[in-house]
Amino acid sequence: GLRLLLRAVLDGRTDAHVRAGFMFENIVTPLIRELRREAELPDLA
């Protein structure tokens, strides 16, 4: 999977951008949401 993703990125395939978006929504967003909650900062909404 790692090799395929890197190859797709290097080839400029849109599949890689879709996967990156998936990672963003499922790892980055929940991580920041939780860090904000812990710090009592405004939520993402």
All heavy atoms as atom14 arrays in JSON, in Angstrom:
{
  "sequence": "GLRLLLRAVLDGRTDAHVRAGFMFENIVTPLIRELRREAELPDLA",
  "atom14_mask": [
    [1, 1, 1, 1, 0, 0, 0, 0, 0, 0, 0, 0, 0, 0],
    [1, 1, 1, 1, 1, 1, 1, 1, 0, 0, 0, 0, 0, 0],
    [1, 1, 1, 1, 1, 1, 1, 1, 1, 1, 1, 0, 0, 0],
    [1, 1, 1, 1, 1, 1, 1, 1, 0, 0, 0, 0, 0, 0],
    [1, 1, 1, 1, 1, 1, 1, 1, 0, 0, 0, 0, 0, 0],
    [1, 1, 1, 1, 1, 1, 1, 1, 0, 0, 0, 0, 0, 0],
    [1, 1, 1, 1, 1, 1, 1, 1, 1, 1, 1, 0, 0, 0],
    [1, 1, 1, 1, 1, 0, 0, 0, 0, 0, 0, 0, 0, 0],
    [1, 1, 1, 1, 1, 1, 1, 0, 0, 0, 0, 0, 0, 0],
    [1, 1, 1, 1, 1, 1, 1, 1, 0, 0, 0, 0, 0, 0],
    [1, 1, 1, 1, 1, 1, 1, 1, 0, 0, 0, 0, 0, 0],
    [1, 1, 1, 1, 0, 0, 0, 0, 0, 0, 0, 0, 0, 0],
    [1, 1, 1, 1, 1, 1, 1, 1, 1, 1, 1, 0, 0, 0],
    [1, 1, 1, 1, 1, 1, 1, 0, 0, 0, 0, 0, 0, 0],
    [1, 1, 1, 1, 1, 1, 1, 1, 0, 0, 0, 0, 0, 0],
    [1, 1, 1, 1, 1, 0, 0, 0, 0, 0, 0, 0, 0, 0],
    [1, 1, 1, 1, 1, 1, 1, 1, 1, 1, 0, 0, 0, 0],
    [1, 1, 1, 1, 1, 1, 1, 0, 0, 0, 0, 0, 0, 0],
    [1, 1, 1, 1, 1, 1, 1, 1, 1, 1, 1, 0, 0, 0],
    [1, 1, 1, 1, 1, 0, 0, 0, 0, 0, 0, 0, 0, 0],
    [1, 1, 1, 1, 0, 0, 0, 0, 0, 0, 0, 0, 0, 0],
    [1, 1, 1, 1, 1, 1, 1, 1, 1, 1, 1, 0, 0, 0],
    [1, 1, 1, 1, 1, 1, 1, 1, 0, 0, 0, 0, 0, 0],
    [1, 1, 1, 1, 1, 1, 1, 1, 1, 1, 1, 0, 0, 0],
    [1, 1, 1, 1, 1, 1, 1, 1, 1, 0, 0, 0, 0, 0],
    [1, 1, 1, 1, 1, 1, 1, 1, 0, 0, 0, 0, 0, 0],
    [1, 1, 1, 1, 1, 1, 1, 1, 0, 0, 0, 0, 0, 0],
    [1, 1, 1, 1, 1, 1, 1, 0, 0, 0, 0, 0, 0, 0],
    [1, 1, 1, 1, 1, 1, 1, 0, 0, 0, 0, 0, 0, 0],
    [1, 1, 1, 1, 1, 1, 1, 0, 0, 0, 0, 0, 0, 0],
    [1, 1, 1, 1, 1, 1, 1, 1, 0, 0, 0, 0, 0, 0],
    [1, 1, 1, 1, 1, 1, 1, 1, 0, 0, 0, 0, 0, 0],
    [1, 1, 1, 1, 1, 1, 1, 1, 1, 1, 1, 0, 0, 0],
    [1, 1, 1, 1, 1, 1, 1, 1, 1, 0, 0, 0, 0, 0],
    [1, 1, 1, 1, 1, 1, 1, 1, 0, 0, 0, 0, 0, 0],
    [1, 1, 1, 1, 1, 1, 1, 1, 1, 1, 1, 0, 0, 0],
    [1, 1, 1, 1, 1, 1, 1, 1, 1, 1, 1, 0, 0, 0],
    [1, 1, 1, 1, 1, 1, 1, 1, 1, 0, 0, 0, 0, 0],
    [1, 1, 1, 1, 1, 0, 0, 0, 0, 0, 0, 0, 0, 0],
    [1, 1, 1, 1, 1, 1, 1, 1, 1, 0, 0, 0, 0, 0],
    [1, 1, 1, 1, 1, 1, 1, 1, 0, 0, 0, 0, 0, 0],
    [1, 1, 1, 1, 1, 1, 1, 0, 0, 0, 0, 0, 0, 0],
    [1, 1, 1, 1, 1, 1, 1, 1, 0, 0, 0, 0, 0, 0],
    [1, 1, 1, 1, 1, 1, 1, 1, 0, 0, 0, 0, 0, 0],
    [1, 1, 1, 1, 1, 0, 0, 0, 0, 0, 0, 0, 0, 0]
  ],
  "atom14_positions": [
    [[0.81, -1.21, 0.0], [0.0, 0.0, 0.0], [0.85, 1.26, 0.0], [0.54, 2.22, -0.71], [0.0, 0.0, 0.0], [0.0, 0.0, 0.0], [0.0, 0.0, 0.0], [0.0, 0.0, 0.0], [0.0, 0.0, 0.0], [0.0, 0.0, 0.0], [0.0, 0.0, 0.0], [0.0, 0.0, 0.0], [0.0, 0.0, 0.0], [0.0, 0.0, 0.0]],
    [[1.91, 1.27, 0.78], [2.8, 2.42, 0.84], [3.47, 2.65, -0.51], [3.5, 3.77, -1.02], [3.85, 2.22, 1.93], [4.87, 3.33, 2.11], [4.18, 4.62, 2.51], [5.9, 2.92, 3.16], [0.0, 0.0, 0.0], [0.0, 0.0, 0.0], [0.0, 0.0, 0.0], [0.0, 0.0, 0.0], [0.0, 0.0, 0.0], [0.0, 0.0, 0.0]],
    [[3.97, 1.59, -1.11], [4.61, 1.71, -2.42], [3.62, 2.2, -3.47], [3.94, 3.06, -4.29], [5.21, 0.37, -2.84], [6.43, -0.02, -2.07], [6.89, -1.43, -2.47], [8.05, -1.83, -1.73], [9.3, -1.58, -2.1], [9.54, -0.94, -3.22], [10.31, -1.97, -1.35], [0.0, 0.0, 0.0], [0.0, 0.0, 0.0], [0.0, 0.0, 0.0]],
    [[2.43, 1.64, -3.44], [1.41, 2.03, -4.41], [1.02, 3.49, -4.24], [0.89, 4.23, -5.22], [0.18, 1.12, -4.27], [-0.94, 1.32, -5.27], [-0.45, 1.08, -6.69], [-2.08, 0.37, -4.95], [0.0, 0.0, 0.0], [0.0, 0.0, 0.0], [0.0, 0.0, 0.0], [0.0, 0.0, 0.0], [0.0, 0.0, 0.0], [0.0, 0.0, 0.0]],
    [[0.85, 3.92, -3.0], [0.5, 5.31, -2.74], [1.6, 6.25, -3.23], [1.32, 7.24, -3.91], [0.23, 5.53, -1.26], [-0.12, 6.96, -0.86], [-1.41, 7.41, -1.54], [-0.23, 7.08, 0.64], [0.0, 0.0, 0.0], [0.0, 0.0, 0.0], [0.0, 0.0, 0.0], [0.0, 0.0, 0.0], [0.0, 0.0, 0.0], [0.0, 0.0, 0.0]],
    [[2.84, 5.94, -2.9], [3.94, 6.8, -3.32], [4.07, 6.85, -4.84], [4.3, 7.91, -5.42], [5.25, 6.35, -2.68], [5.34, 6.6, -1.19], [6.62, 6.01, -0.62], [5.25, 8.07, -0.86], [0.0, 0.0, 0.0], [0.0, 0.0, 0.0], [0.0, 0.0, 0.0], [0.0, 0.0, 0.0], [0.0, 0.0, 0.0], [0.0, 0.0, 0.0]],
    [[3.9, 5.72, -5.47], [3.96, 5.69, -6.94], [2.83, 6.53, -7.54], [3.03, 7.27, -8.49], [3.87, 4.24, -7.44], [3.99, 4.1, -8.93], [5.31, 4.68, -9.35], [5.33, 4.98, -10.75], [6.36, 4.73, -11.54], [7.44, 4.19, -11.04], [6.31, 5.05, -12.8], [0.0, 0.0, 0.0], [0.0, 0.0, 0.0], [0.0, 0.0, 0.0]],
    [[1.65, 6.41, -6.98], [0.51, 7.18, -7.48], [0.76, 8.67, -7.31], [0.44, 9.47, -8.2], [-0.76, 6.76, -6.75], [0.0, 0.0, 0.0], [0.0, 0.0, 0.0], [0.0, 0.0, 0.0], [0.0, 0.0, 0.0], [0.0, 0.0, 0.0], [0.0, 0.0, 0.0], [0.0, 0.0, 0.0], [0.0, 0.0, 0.0], [0.0, 0.0, 0.0]],
    [[1.34, 9.06, -6.2], [1.65, 10.48, -5.97], [2.67, 10.96, -7.0], [2.5, 12.01, -7.62], [2.17, 10.7, -4.53], [2.76, 12.09, -4.38], [1.07, 10.48, -3.52], [0.0, 0.0, 0.0], [0.0, 0.0, 0.0], [0.0, 0.0, 0.0], [0.0, 0.0, 0.0], [0.0, 0.0, 0.0], [0.0, 0.0, 0.0], [0.0, 0.0, 0.0]],
    [[3.72, 10.18, -7.19], [4.76, 10.56, -8.14], [4.24, 10.63, -9.57], [4.69, 11.44, -10.37], [5.94, 9.58, -8.07], [6.75, 9.65, -6.77], [7.75, 8.51, -6.72], [7.45, 11.0, -6.64], [0.0, 0.0, 0.0], [0.0, 0.0, 0.0], [0.0, 0.0, 0.0], [0.0, 0.0, 0.0], [0.0, 0.0, 0.0], [0.0, 0.0, 0.0]],
    [[3.28, 9.77, -9.89], [2.68, 9.77, -11.22], [1.58, 10.82, -11.37], [1.01, 10.97, -12.45], [2.1, 8.4, -11.55], [3.17, 7.35, -11.8], [4.35, 7.73, -11.96], [2.84, 6.15, -11.83], [0.0, 0.0, 0.0], [0.0, 0.0, 0.0], [0.0, 0.0, 0.0], [0.0, 0.0, 0.0], [0.0, 0.0, 0.0], [0.0, 0.0, 0.0]],
    [[1.23, 11.51, -10.28], [0.19, 12.52, -10.33], [-1.22, 11.96, -10.45], [-2.12, 12.65, -10.9], [0.0, 0.0, 0.0], [0.0, 0.0, 0.0], [0.0, 0.0, 0.0], [0.0, 0.0, 0.0], [0.0, 0.0, 0.0], [0.0, 0.0, 0.0], [0.0, 0.0, 0.0], [0.0, 0.0, 0.0], [0.0, 0.0, 0.0], [0.0, 0.0, 0.0]],
    [[-1.41, 10.74, -10.01], [-2.73, 10.1, -10.1], [-3.69, 10.72, -9.1], [-3.33, 11.01, -7.97], [-2.62, 8.6, -9.86], [-1.85, 7.87, -10.94], [-1.92, 6.38, -10.77], [-3.27, 5.89, -10.59], [-4.15, 5.67, -11.55], [-3.81, 5.89, -12.79], [-5.35, 5.21, -11.29], [0.0, 0.0, 0.0], [0.0, 0.0, 0.0], [0.0, 0.0, 0.0]],
    [[-4.94, 10.88, -9.5], [-5.94, 11.45, -8.61], [-6.29, 10.49, -7.48], [-6.72, 10.94, -6.42], [-7.22, 11.81, -9.38], [-7.7, 10.64, -10.04], [-6.98, 12.91, -10.38], [0.0, 0.0, 0.0], [0.0, 0.0, 0.0], [0.0, 0.0, 0.0], [0.0, 0.0, 0.0], [0.0, 0.0, 0.0], [0.0, 0.0, 0.0], [0.0, 0.0, 0.0]],
    [[-6.06, 9.19, -7.66], [-6.32, 8.22, -6.59], [-5.58, 8.62, -5.31], [-6.09, 8.47, -4.2], [-5.84, 6.81, -6.96], [-6.3, 6.34, -8.3], [-5.82, 6.89, -9.3], [-7.13, 5.42, -8.34], [0.0, 0.0, 0.0], [0.0, 0.0, 0.0], [0.0, 0.0, 0.0], [0.0, 0.0, 0.0], [0.0, 0.0, 0.0], [0.0, 0.0, 0.0]],
    [[-4.36, 9.09, -5.48], [-3.55, 9.46, -4.33], [-4.17, 10.62, -3.57], [-4.16, 10.66, -2.34], [-2.14, 9.82, -4.78], [0.0, 0.0, 0.0], [0.0, 0.0, 0.0], [0.0, 0.0, 0.0], [0.0, 0.0, 0.0], [0.0, 0.0, 0.0], [0.0, 0.0, 0.0], [0.0, 0.0, 0.0], [0.0, 0.0, 0.0], [0.0, 0.0, 0.0]],
    [[-4.75, 11.57, -4.3], [-5.37, 12.72, -3.64], [-6.64, 12.3, -2.9], [-6.94, 12.82, -1.83], [-5.68, 13.81, -4.66], [-4.45, 14.34, -5.32], [-3.49, 15.06, -4.66], [-4.0, 14.2, -6.59], [-2.51, 15.36, -5.48], [-2.79, 14.85, -6.66], [0.0, 0.0, 0.0], [0.0, 0.0, 0.0], [0.0, 0.0, 0.0], [0.0, 0.0, 0.0]],
    [[-7.36, 11.35, -3.46], [-8.55, 10.83, -2.78], [-8.13, 10.17, -1.48], [-8.75, 10.36, -0.43], [-9.31, 9.85, -3.7], [-10.39, 9.1, -2.93], [-9.9, 10.58, -4.88], [0.0, 0.0, 0.0], [0.0, 0.0, 0.0], [0.0, 0.0, 0.0], [0.0, 0.0, 0.0], [0.0, 0.0, 0.0], [0.0, 0.0, 0.0], [0.0, 0.0, 0.0]],
    [[-7.07, 9.36, -1.52], [-6.59, 8.69, -0.3], [-6.08, 9.69, 0.72], [-6.29, 9.53, 1.91], [-5.51, 7.67, -0.63], [-5.91, 6.6, -1.59], [-7.18, 5.87, -1.18], [-7.49, 4.85, -2.16], [-8.67, 4.66, -2.71], [-9.68, 5.4, -2.38], [-8.87, 3.71, -3.58], [0.0, 0.0, 0.0], [0.0, 0.0, 0.0], [0.0, 0.0, 0.0]],
    [[-5.4, 10.72, 0.24], [-4.91, 11.75, 1.16], [-6.08, 12.45, 1.83], [-6.03, 12.76, 3.03], [-4.03, 12.75, 0.41], [0.0, 0.0, 0.0], [0.0, 0.0, 0.0], [0.0, 0.0, 0.0], [0.0, 0.0, 0.0], [0.0, 0.0, 0.0], [0.0, 0.0, 0.0], [0.0, 0.0, 0.0], [0.0, 0.0, 0.0], [0.0, 0.0, 0.0]],
    [[-7.14, 12.7, 1.08], [-8.34, 13.3, 1.66], [-8.97, 12.42, 2.71], [-9.43, 12.87, 3.75], [0.0, 0.0, 0.0], [0.0, 0.0, 0.0], [0.0, 0.0, 0.0], [0.0, 0.0, 0.0], [0.0, 0.0, 0.0], [0.0, 0.0, 0.0], [0.0, 0.0, 0.0], [0.0, 0.0, 0.0], [0.0, 0.0, 0.0], [0.0, 0.0, 0.0]],
    [[-8.96, 11.12, 2.45], [-9.47, 10.15, 3.4], [-8.66, 10.2, 4.7], [-9.21, 10.21, 5.8], [-9.42, 8.74, 2.8], [-9.88, 7.66, 3.73], [-11.22, 7.33, 3.8], [-8.98, 6.98, 4.52], [-11.65, 6.34, 4.66], [-9.4, 5.98, 5.39], [-10.74, 5.66, 5.45], [0.0, 0.0, 0.0], [0.0, 0.0, 0.0], [0.0, 0.0, 0.0]],
    [[-7.34, 10.24, 4.56], [-6.47, 10.32, 5.73], [-6.73, 11.61, 6.51], [-6.8, 11.61, 7.73], [-5.0, 10.29, 5.3], [-4.54, 8.98, 4.75], [-4.39, 7.74, 6.01], [-3.05, 8.4, 6.95], [0.0, 0.0, 0.0], [0.0, 0.0, 0.0], [0.0, 0.0, 0.0], [0.0, 0.0, 0.0], [0.0, 0.0, 0.0], [0.0, 0.0, 0.0]],
    [[-6.91, 12.69, 5.76], [-7.14, 13.98, 6.4], [-8.41, 13.93, 7.24], [-8.41, 14.32, 8.41], [-7.25, 15.08, 5.33], [-7.46, 16.43, 5.9], [-6.38, 17.18, 6.33], [-8.73, 16.96, 6.02], [-6.57, 18.43, 6.88], [-8.92, 18.21, 6.57], [-7.84, 18.95, 7.0], [0.0, 0.0, 0.0], [0.0, 0.0, 0.0], [0.0, 0.0, 0.0]],
    [[-9.47, 13.44, 6.66], [-10.76, 13.4, 7.36], [-10.78, 12.4, 8.51], [-11.5, 12.6, 9.48], [-11.89, 13.08, 6.38], [-12.16, 14.2, 5.4], [-12.47, 15.54, 6.06], [-13.18, 15.57, 7.08], [-12.0, 16.56, 5.54], [0.0, 0.0, 0.0], [0.0, 0.0, 0.0], [0.0, 0.0, 0.0], [0.0, 0.0, 0.0], [0.0, 0.0, 0.0]],
    [[-10.0, 11.34, 8.43], [-10.08, 10.28, 9.43], [-8.95, 10.25, 10.44], [-9.02, 9.5, 11.41], [-10.19, 8.93, 8.73], [-11.53, 8.76, 8.07], [-12.53, 8.52, 8.73], [-11.57, 8.95, 6.77], [0.0, 0.0, 0.0], [0.0, 0.0, 0.0], [0.0, 0.0, 0.0], [0.0, 0.0, 0.0], [0.0, 0.0, 0.0], [0.0, 0.0, 0.0]],
    [[-7.91, 11.05, 10.22], [-6.84, 11.12, 11.21], [-6.6, 12.57, 11.64], [-6.65, 12.89, 12.82], [-5.53, 10.48, 10.68], [-5.75, 8.98, 10.51], [-4.38, 10.74, 11.65], [-4.54, 8.22, 10.03], [0.0, 0.0, 0.0], [0.0, 0.0, 0.0], [0.0, 0.0, 0.0], [0.0, 0.0, 0.0], [0.0, 0.0, 0.0], [0.0, 0.0, 0.0]],
    [[-6.34, 13.45, 10.69], [-6.02, 14.84, 11.03], [-7.18, 15.52, 11.74], [-7.01, 16.09, 12.82], [-5.6, 15.62, 9.76], [-5.47, 17.11, 10.07], [-4.3, 15.07, 9.2], [0.0, 0.0, 0.0], [0.0, 0.0, 0.0], [0.0, 0.0, 0.0], [0.0, 0.0, 0.0], [0.0, 0.0, 0.0], [0.0, 0.0, 0.0], [0.0, 0.0, 0.0]],
    [[-8.36, 15.45, 11.16], [-9.51, 16.15, 11.75], [-9.85, 15.63, 13.14], [-10.0, 16.43, 14.07], [-10.73, 16.07, 10.8], [-10.36, 16.67, 9.55], [-11.92, 16.8, 11.37], [0.0, 0.0, 0.0], [0.0, 0.0, 0.0], [0.0, 0.0, 0.0], [0.0, 0.0, 0.0], [0.0, 0.0, 0.0], [0.0, 0.0, 0.0], [0.0, 0.0, 0.0]],
    [[-9.94, 14.3, 13.36], [-10.22, 13.83, 14.73], [-9.12, 14.2, 15.73], [-9.41, 14.51, 16.89], [-10.33, 12.31, 14.58], [-10.64, 12.07, 13.16], [-9.99, 13.19, 12.4], [0.0, 0.0, 0.0], [0.0, 0.0, 0.0], [0.0, 0.0, 0.0], [0.0, 0.0, 0.0], [0.0, 0.0, 0.0], [0.0, 0.0, 0.0], [0.0, 0.0, 0.0]],
    [[-7.87, 14.19, 15.28], [-6.77, 14.55, 16.17], [-6.9, 16.0, 16.62], [-6.83, 16.29, 17.82], [-5.43, 14.33, 15.46], [-4.19, 14.86, 16.17], [-4.04, 14.26, 17.56], [-2.95, 14.59, 15.32], [0.0, 0.0, 0.0], [0.0, 0.0, 0.0], [0.0, 0.0, 0.0], [0.0, 0.0, 0.0], [0.0, 0.0, 0.0], [0.0, 0.0, 0.0]],
    [[-7.14, 16.9, 15.7], [-7.27, 18.31, 16.06], [-8.53, 18.53, 16.89], [-8.53, 19.3, 17.86], [-7.25, 19.21, 14.81], [-5.88, 19.1, 14.1], [-7.58, 20.65, 15.16], [-4.68, 19.44, 14.97], [0.0, 0.0, 0.0], [0.0, 0.0, 0.0], [0.0, 0.0, 0.0], [0.0, 0.0, 0.0], [0.0, 0.0, 0.0], [0.0, 0.0, 0.0]],
    [[-9.61, 17.86, 16.52], [-10.85, 17.98, 17.3], [-10.59, 17.61, 18.77], [-11.01, 18.3, 19.69], [-11.93, 17.09, 16.7], [-13.27, 17.2, 17.39], [-14.4, 16.43, 16.72], [-14.03, 15.06, 16.4], [-13.98, 14.55, 15.17], [-14.29, 15.29, 14.13], [-13.65, 13.3, 14.97], [0.0, 0.0, 0.0], [0.0, 0.0, 0.0], [0.0, 0.0, 0.0]],
    [[-9.85, 16.52, 18.98], [-9.56, 16.07, 20.34], [-8.61, 17.02, 21.06], [-8.79, 17.32, 22.24], [-8.98, 14.65, 20.31], [-8.71, 14.07, 21.66], [-9.94, 13.88, 22.52], [-11.08, 13.96, 22.01], [-9.77, 13.64, 23.74], [0.0, 0.0, 0.0], [0.0, 0.0, 0.0], [0.0, 0.0, 0.0], [0.0, 0.0, 0.0], [0.0, 0.0, 0.0]],
    [[-7.58, 17.51, 20.37], [-6.67, 18.46, 20.99], [-7.39, 19.74, 21.38], [-7.15, 20.3, 22.45], [-5.49, 18.77, 20.05], [-4.45, 17.67, 19.89], [-3.46, 18.03, 18.8], [-3.73, 17.4, 21.21], [0.0, 0.0, 0.0], [0.0, 0.0, 0.0], [0.0, 0.0, 0.0], [0.0, 0.0, 0.0], [0.0, 0.0, 0.0], [0.0, 0.0, 0.0]],
    [[-8.31, 20.19, 20.54], [-9.1, 21.38, 20.88], [-9.98, 21.11, 22.1], [-10.13, 21.97, 22.97], [-9.97, 21.81, 19.7], [-9.25, 22.61, 18.65], [-10.27, 23.17, 17.69], [-9.68, 23.91, 16.6], [-10.38, 24.64, 15.76], [-11.71, 24.71, 15.87], [-9.79, 25.28, 14.78], [0.0, 0.0, 0.0], [0.0, 0.0, 0.0], [0.0, 0.0, 0.0]],
    [[-10.59, 19.93, 22.14], [-11.46, 19.59, 23.26], [-10.66, 19.61, 24.57], [-11.08, 20.2, 25.56], [-12.09, 18.21, 23.06], [-13.14, 17.83, 24.11], [-13.59, 16.39, 23.99], [-12.55, 15.43, 24.29], [-12.11, 15.13, 25.51], [-12.62, 15.73, 26.56], [-11.17, 14.24, 25.69], [0.0, 0.0, 0.0], [0.0, 0.0, 0.0], [0.0, 0.0, 0.0]],
    [[-9.47, 19.0, 24.55], [-8.62, 18.98, 25.74], [-8.23, 20.39, 26.18], [-8.12, 20.67, 27.36], [-7.34, 18.18, 25.47], [-7.52, 16.7, 25.38], [-6.21, 15.97, 25.1], [-5.17, 16.64, 24.91], [-6.23, 14.73, 25.08], [0.0, 0.0, 0.0], [0.0, 0.0, 0.0], [0.0, 0.0, 0.0], [0.0, 0.0, 0.0], [0.0, 0.0, 0.0]],
    [[-7.98, 21.26, 25.2], [-7.53, 22.63, 25.5], [-8.69, 23.59, 25.74], [-8.46, 24.78, 25.97], [-6.66, 23.14, 24.36], [0.0, 0.0, 0.0], [0.0, 0.0, 0.0], [0.0, 0.0, 0.0], [0.0, 0.0, 0.0], [0.0, 0.0, 0.0], [0.0, 0.0, 0.0], [0.0, 0.0, 0.0], [0.0, 0.0, 0.0], [0.0, 0.0, 0.0]],
    [[-9.93, 23.07, 25.66], [-11.12, 23.89, 25.83], [-11.17, 25.05, 24.84], [-11.52, 26.18, 25.17], [-11.24, 24.38, 27.28], [-11.36, 23.23, 28.28], [-11.44, 23.69, 29.73], [-11.31, 24.92, 30.0], [-11.62, 22.82, 30.58], [0.0, 0.0, 0.0], [0.0, 0.0, 0.0], [0.0, 0.0, 0.0], [0.0, 0.0, 0.0], [0.0, 0.0, 0.0]],
    [[-10.79, 24.73, 23.6], [-10.86, 25.7, 22.51], [-12.15, 25.46, 21.72], [-12.76, 24.41, 21.86], [-9.64, 25.52, 21.59], [-8.29, 25.91, 22.22], [-7.14, 25.44, 21.35], [-8.22, 27.42, 22.43], [0.0, 0.0, 0.0], [0.0, 0.0, 0.0], [0.0, 0.0, 0.0], [0.0, 0.0, 0.0], [0.0, 0.0, 0.0], [0.0, 0.0, 0.0]],
    [[-12.55, 26.41, 20.89], [-13.79, 26.23, 20.11], [-13.72, 24.96, 19.24], [-12.66, 24.62, 18.72], [-13.84, 27.48, 19.22], [-12.96, 28.47, 19.88], [-11.92, 27.7, 20.62], [0.0, 0.0, 0.0], [0.0, 0.0, 0.0], [0.0, 0.0, 0.0], [0.0, 0.0, 0.0], [0.0, 0.0, 0.0], [0.0, 0.0, 0.0], [0.0, 0.0, 0.0]],
    [[-14.86, 24.29, 19.1], [-14.88, 23.09, 18.27], [-14.8, 23.46, 16.8], [-14.9, 24.63, 16.42], [-16.1, 22.22, 18.58], [-17.43, 22.9, 18.26], [-17.45, 23.82, 17.42], [-18.44, 22.49, 18.84], [0.0, 0.0, 0.0], [0.0, 0.0, 0.0], [0.0, 0.0, 0.0], [0.0, 0.0, 0.0], [0.0, 0.0, 0.0], [0.0, 0.0, 0.0]],
    [[-14.62, 22.45, 15.95], [-14.44, 22.69, 14.52], [-15.69, 23.23, 13.84], [-15.59, 23.88, 12.8], [-13.96, 21.41, 13.83], [-12.54, 20.98, 14.21], [-12.25, 19.58, 13.69], [-11.52, 21.98, 13.7], [0.0, 0.0, 0.0], [0.0, 0.0, 0.0], [0.0, 0.0, 0.0], [0.0, 0.0, 0.0], [0.0, 0.0, 0.0], [0.0, 0.0, 0.0]],
    [[-16.85, 22.99, 14.41], [-18.08, 23.54, 13.85], [-18.16, 25.05, 14.09], [-18.71, 25.8, 13.29], [-19.3, 22.85, 14.45], [0.0, 0.0, 0.0], [0.0, 0.0, 0.0], [0.0, 0.0, 0.0], [0.0, 0.0, 0.0], [0.0, 0.0, 0.0], [0.0, 0.0, 0.0], [0.0, 0.0, 0.0], [0.0, 0.0, 0.0], [0.0, 0.0, 0.0]]
  ]
}
